[in-house]
Every structure is written in C-alpha cells, then in structure tokens.
Amino acid sequence: MEIILPTALSSIENCFREANNAASNSYHFHQSDDFDEYNQIACYYVEKAFIETLILLEQVRLTSTYQIIHTMFDLAKKDLTKKRNGLRGAILGMD
C-alpha cells in the first residue's frame, strides 16, 4: 500500500478543523441539556483524526510513536465519555 503523506496529513488536519468547528458551534449555539448534535460531530472528527493518525504511524512503521498516540487515544475516549458536558466539558475542564 502506497502512502501519500501530504494527503494523509491534510485529511488529519481537516478532521481537527471540523472537530474545532463543531465544538465551537456546540459552545455558541447549544444552550440546553438535551442531545447536542454538534458535540457528537466533534467527537466523531476527533476519533477519526486519532484513527487516521494511528493508521499513518503504522504504515510508516513508527512503532513507539504509535504506542504513545494509541495510549493518548484510549485516555481521550475514557475522558470524553465520563465528562458530563461531553467534548465541550473536556476542552474547558468541566466535570
């Protein structure tokens, strides 16, 4: 499988951009305690960025960096699921 580094990095960057946009929309437009679609979108893109990063690291055989990012991904998933306010709470340090 051929790795196209600029394409992979651009896709990861786009995931973070989309996550940031959704988190910003959640913060500015979601004022109630009901389902927050923006939060779900942000979480999706954060997870996608982690997965794409892990795939890239595996393909370029950066094993130790892969392990570090994988550990960070596991911690992020746990943190996001236990936060009362979802992604917004994780970003702002709310419990």
N, C-alpha and C. Protein backbone atom coordinates (compact mmCIF):
# COMPACT_ATOMS: atom_id res chain seq x y z
N MET A 1 0.84 -1.18 0.00
CA MET A 1 0.00 0.00 0.00
C MET A 1 0.89 1.25 0.00
N GLU A 2 0.67 2.09 -0.95
CA GLU A 2 1.45 3.32 -1.05
C GLU A 2 0.87 4.38 -0.13
N ILE A 3 1.75 5.06 0.55
CA ILE A 3 1.35 6.13 1.47
C ILE A 3 1.58 7.46 0.78
N ILE A 4 0.55 8.25 0.73
CA ILE A 4 0.67 9.60 0.19
C ILE A 4 0.61 10.54 1.38
N LEU A 5 1.80 10.90 1.86
CA LEU A 5 1.92 11.65 3.11
C LEU A 5 1.16 12.97 3.10
N PRO A 6 1.30 13.81 2.07
CA PRO A 6 0.55 15.08 2.10
C PRO A 6 -0.96 14.88 2.18
N THR A 7 -1.47 13.87 1.50
CA THR A 7 -2.90 13.58 1.54
C THR A 7 -3.33 13.13 2.93
N ALA A 8 -2.54 12.25 3.53
CA ALA A 8 -2.86 11.76 4.88
C ALA A 8 -2.85 12.89 5.89
N LEU A 9 -1.82 13.73 5.82
CA LEU A 9 -1.72 14.84 6.77
C LEU A 9 -2.84 15.87 6.56
N SER A 10 -3.19 16.10 5.32
CA SER A 10 -4.28 17.02 5.02
C SER A 10 -5.61 16.50 5.57
N SER A 11 -5.82 15.21 5.45
CA SER A 11 -7.05 14.61 5.96
C SER A 11 -7.12 14.71 7.48
N ILE A 12 -6.01 14.46 8.16
CA ILE A 12 -5.96 14.58 9.62
C ILE A 12 -6.21 16.02 10.05
N GLU A 13 -5.57 16.95 9.35
CA GLU A 13 -5.77 18.37 9.65
C GLU A 13 -7.24 18.76 9.45
N ASN A 14 -7.85 18.25 8.41
CA ASN A 14 -9.26 18.55 8.14
C ASN A 14 -10.15 18.00 9.27
N CYS A 15 -9.82 16.83 9.79
CA CYS A 15 -10.60 16.28 10.91
C CYS A 15 -10.55 17.20 12.11
N PHE A 16 -9.35 17.71 12.42
CA PHE A 16 -9.24 18.63 13.56
C PHE A 16 -9.98 19.94 13.29
N ARG A 17 -9.95 20.41 12.07
CA ARG A 17 -10.67 21.63 11.72
C ARG A 17 -12.18 21.42 11.91
N GLU A 18 -12.69 20.30 11.42
CA GLU A 18 -14.12 20.01 11.55
C GLU A 18 -14.51 19.83 13.02
N ALA A 19 -13.65 19.17 13.79
CA ALA A 19 -13.93 18.99 15.23
C ALA A 19 -13.97 20.33 15.94
N ASN A 20 -13.04 21.19 15.60
CA ASN A 20 -13.00 22.53 16.20
C ASN A 20 -14.24 23.33 15.84
N ASN A 21 -14.65 23.27 14.58
CA ASN A 21 -15.86 23.99 14.16
C ASN A 21 -17.09 23.49 14.91
N ALA A 22 -17.21 22.16 15.02
CA ALA A 22 -18.38 21.60 15.71
C ALA A 22 -18.36 21.93 17.19
N ALA A 23 -17.17 21.87 17.82
CA ALA A 23 -17.07 22.21 19.24
C ALA A 23 -17.42 23.68 19.46
N SER A 24 -16.98 24.52 18.55
CA SER A 24 -17.31 25.94 18.64
C SER A 24 -18.81 26.16 18.50
N ASN A 25 -19.42 25.47 17.55
CA ASN A 25 -20.87 25.58 17.37
C ASN A 25 -21.61 25.08 18.61
N SER A 26 -21.12 24.01 19.20
CA SER A 26 -21.73 23.48 20.41
C SER A 26 -21.67 24.52 21.53
N TYR A 27 -20.54 25.13 21.67
CA TYR A 27 -20.35 26.12 22.73
C TYR A 27 -21.25 27.35 22.51
N HIS A 28 -21.35 27.80 21.26
CA HIS A 28 -22.09 29.03 20.98
C HIS A 28 -23.60 28.84 20.78
N PHE A 29 -24.01 27.68 20.26
CA PHE A 29 -25.41 27.53 19.88
C PHE A 29 -26.20 26.53 20.70
N HIS A 30 -25.54 25.65 21.41
CA HIS A 30 -26.27 24.62 22.16
C HIS A 30 -26.38 25.06 23.62
N GLN A 31 -27.56 25.48 24.02
CA GLN A 31 -27.74 26.03 25.36
C GLN A 31 -28.58 25.15 26.28
N SER A 32 -29.10 24.05 25.80
CA SER A 32 -29.95 23.21 26.64
C SER A 32 -29.25 21.92 27.02
N ASP A 33 -29.88 21.14 27.87
CA ASP A 33 -29.30 19.88 28.32
C ASP A 33 -29.71 18.69 27.47
N ASP A 34 -30.45 18.92 26.40
CA ASP A 34 -30.86 17.81 25.55
C ASP A 34 -29.72 17.41 24.62
N PHE A 35 -29.99 16.53 23.70
CA PHE A 35 -28.99 16.00 22.77
C PHE A 35 -28.27 17.12 22.03
N ASP A 36 -26.96 17.05 22.01
CA ASP A 36 -26.13 18.06 21.37
C ASP A 36 -25.49 17.46 20.12
N GLU A 37 -26.10 17.72 18.98
CA GLU A 37 -25.59 17.18 17.71
C GLU A 37 -24.18 17.68 17.41
N TYR A 38 -23.89 18.94 17.72
CA TYR A 38 -22.56 19.49 17.47
C TYR A 38 -21.50 18.72 18.25
N ASN A 39 -21.83 18.37 19.50
CA ASN A 39 -20.90 17.60 20.32
C ASN A 39 -20.62 16.24 19.69
N GLN A 40 -21.66 15.60 19.20
CA GLN A 40 -21.49 14.29 18.56
C GLN A 40 -20.61 14.39 17.31
N ILE A 41 -20.79 15.44 16.54
CA ILE A 41 -19.98 15.66 15.34
C ILE A 41 -18.52 15.90 15.72
N ALA A 42 -18.30 16.72 16.73
CA ALA A 42 -16.93 16.99 17.18
C ALA A 42 -16.25 15.71 17.66
N CYS A 43 -16.96 14.92 18.44
CA CYS A 43 -16.39 13.65 18.92
C CYS A 43 -16.05 12.73 17.76
N TYR A 44 -16.91 12.68 16.77
CA TYR A 44 -16.67 11.85 15.59
C TYR A 44 -15.36 12.25 14.90
N TYR A 45 -15.17 13.55 14.69
CA TYR A 45 -13.98 14.00 13.99
C TYR A 45 -12.71 13.85 14.83
N VAL A 46 -12.80 14.01 16.13
CA VAL A 46 -11.63 13.77 16.98
C VAL A 46 -11.22 12.30 16.90
N GLU A 47 -12.21 11.42 17.00
CA GLU A 47 -11.92 9.98 16.90
C GLU A 47 -11.34 9.64 15.53
N LYS A 48 -11.91 10.22 14.48
CA LYS A 48 -11.43 9.96 13.12
C LYS A 48 -9.98 10.43 12.96
N ALA A 49 -9.65 11.57 13.53
CA ALA A 49 -8.27 12.09 13.45
C ALA A 49 -7.30 11.14 14.15
N PHE A 50 -7.69 10.66 15.32
CA PHE A 50 -6.83 9.70 16.02
C PHE A 50 -6.63 8.44 15.18
N ILE A 51 -7.70 7.91 14.65
CA ILE A 51 -7.61 6.67 13.87
C ILE A 51 -6.74 6.87 12.63
N GLU A 52 -6.94 7.96 11.92
CA GLU A 52 -6.13 8.23 10.73
C GLU A 52 -4.66 8.42 11.10
N THR A 53 -4.40 9.05 12.22
CA THR A 53 -3.02 9.22 12.68
C THR A 53 -2.40 7.87 13.01
N LEU A 54 -3.15 7.02 13.68
CA LEU A 54 -2.64 5.69 14.02
C LEU A 54 -2.36 4.86 12.76
N ILE A 55 -3.23 4.95 11.79
CA ILE A 55 -3.01 4.22 10.53
C ILE A 55 -1.74 4.71 9.85
N LEU A 56 -1.57 6.03 9.80
CA LEU A 56 -0.38 6.60 9.18
C LEU A 56 0.89 6.15 9.92
N LEU A 57 0.88 6.22 11.23
CA LEU A 57 2.05 5.82 12.01
C LEU A 57 2.38 4.34 11.82
N GLU A 58 1.35 3.53 11.72
CA GLU A 58 1.57 2.10 11.48
C GLU A 58 2.19 1.87 10.10
N GLN A 59 1.70 2.57 9.12
CA GLN A 59 2.21 2.40 7.76
C GLN A 59 3.66 2.85 7.60
N VAL A 60 4.05 3.89 8.33
CA VAL A 60 5.44 4.36 8.23
C VAL A 60 6.32 3.71 9.30
N ARG A 61 5.76 2.75 10.01
CA ARG A 61 6.47 1.93 10.99
C ARG A 61 7.12 2.74 12.12
N LEU A 62 6.38 3.71 12.64
CA LEU A 62 6.82 4.46 13.81
C LEU A 62 6.16 3.84 15.05
N THR A 63 6.67 2.68 15.44
CA THR A 63 6.04 1.85 16.45
C THR A 63 5.94 2.53 17.81
N SER A 64 7.01 3.16 18.27
CA SER A 64 6.95 3.77 19.60
C SER A 64 6.00 4.97 19.61
N THR A 65 6.01 5.76 18.55
CA THR A 65 5.09 6.89 18.45
C THR A 65 3.65 6.38 18.35
N TYR A 66 3.45 5.29 17.62
CA TYR A 66 2.13 4.68 17.51
C TYR A 66 1.61 4.33 18.91
N GLN A 67 2.45 3.70 19.73
CA GLN A 67 2.04 3.30 21.07
C GLN A 67 1.66 4.51 21.93
N ILE A 68 2.42 5.59 21.81
CA ILE A 68 2.13 6.81 22.58
C ILE A 68 0.79 7.39 22.17
N ILE A 69 0.57 7.51 20.86
CA ILE A 69 -0.70 8.08 20.36
C ILE A 69 -1.86 7.16 20.69
N HIS A 70 -1.65 5.85 20.62
CA HIS A 70 -2.72 4.90 20.96
C HIS A 70 -3.12 5.05 22.42
N THR A 71 -2.13 5.22 23.29
CA THR A 71 -2.41 5.43 24.71
C THR A 71 -3.18 6.74 24.92
N MET A 72 -2.76 7.79 24.22
CA MET A 72 -3.46 9.07 24.31
C MET A 72 -4.91 8.93 23.82
N PHE A 73 -5.11 8.17 22.76
CA PHE A 73 -6.45 7.95 22.21
C PHE A 73 -7.33 7.23 23.23
N ASP A 74 -6.79 6.21 23.88
CA ASP A 74 -7.55 5.49 24.90
C ASP A 74 -7.94 6.42 26.05
N LEU A 75 -7.01 7.25 26.50
CA LEU A 75 -7.31 8.19 27.57
C LEU A 75 -8.35 9.22 27.14
N ALA A 76 -8.23 9.71 25.93
CA ALA A 76 -9.19 10.70 25.42
C ALA A 76 -10.59 10.11 25.36
N LYS A 77 -10.71 8.87 24.89
CA LYS A 77 -12.03 8.23 24.80
C LYS A 77 -12.65 8.07 26.18
N LYS A 78 -11.86 7.65 27.14
CA LYS A 78 -12.37 7.49 28.51
C LYS A 78 -12.78 8.83 29.10
N ASP A 79 -11.95 9.83 28.89
CA ASP A 79 -12.23 11.16 29.44
C ASP A 79 -13.50 11.75 28.84
N LEU A 80 -13.65 11.61 27.53
CA LEU A 80 -14.83 12.18 26.87
C LEU A 80 -16.12 11.51 27.32
N THR A 81 -16.07 10.20 27.53
CA THR A 81 -17.30 9.50 27.92
C THR A 81 -17.71 9.78 29.35
N LYS A 82 -16.76 10.11 30.22
CA LYS A 82 -17.15 10.36 31.61
C LYS A 82 -17.46 11.83 31.90
N LYS A 83 -17.21 12.69 30.96
CA LYS A 83 -17.48 14.11 31.17
C LYS A 83 -18.98 14.39 31.01
N ARG A 84 -19.52 15.05 31.95
CA ARG A 84 -20.95 15.39 31.94
C ARG A 84 -21.30 16.23 30.71
N ASN A 85 -20.42 17.12 30.32
CA ASN A 85 -20.68 18.00 29.19
C ASN A 85 -20.04 17.54 27.89
N GLY A 86 -19.66 16.29 27.79
CA GLY A 86 -19.11 15.77 26.56
C GLY A 86 -17.81 16.45 26.17
N LEU A 87 -17.63 16.70 24.88
CA LEU A 87 -16.39 17.27 24.37
C LEU A 87 -16.17 18.68 24.90
N ARG A 88 -17.21 19.48 24.96
CA ARG A 88 -17.07 20.85 25.46
C ARG A 88 -16.52 20.83 26.89
N GLY A 89 -17.03 19.92 27.73
CA GLY A 89 -16.54 19.83 29.09
C GLY A 89 -15.09 19.38 29.15
N ALA A 90 -14.71 18.47 28.28
CA ALA A 90 -13.31 18.00 28.26
C ALA A 90 -12.38 19.12 27.85
N ILE A 91 -12.79 19.91 26.88
CA ILE A 91 -11.94 21.01 26.38
C ILE A 91 -11.83 22.10 27.45
N LEU A 92 -12.94 22.41 28.11
CA LEU A 92 -12.94 23.51 29.06
C LEU A 92 -12.61 23.05 30.49
N GLY A 93 -12.44 21.74 30.70
CA GLY A 93 -12.09 21.23 32.02
C GLY A 93 -13.28 21.14 32.96
N MET A 94 -14.49 21.08 32.43
CA MET A 94 -15.69 20.96 33.26
C MET A 94 -15.88 19.51 33.68
N ASP A 95 -16.41 19.29 34.86
CA ASP A 95 -16.75 17.93 35.31
C ASP A 95 -18.24 17.81 35.45
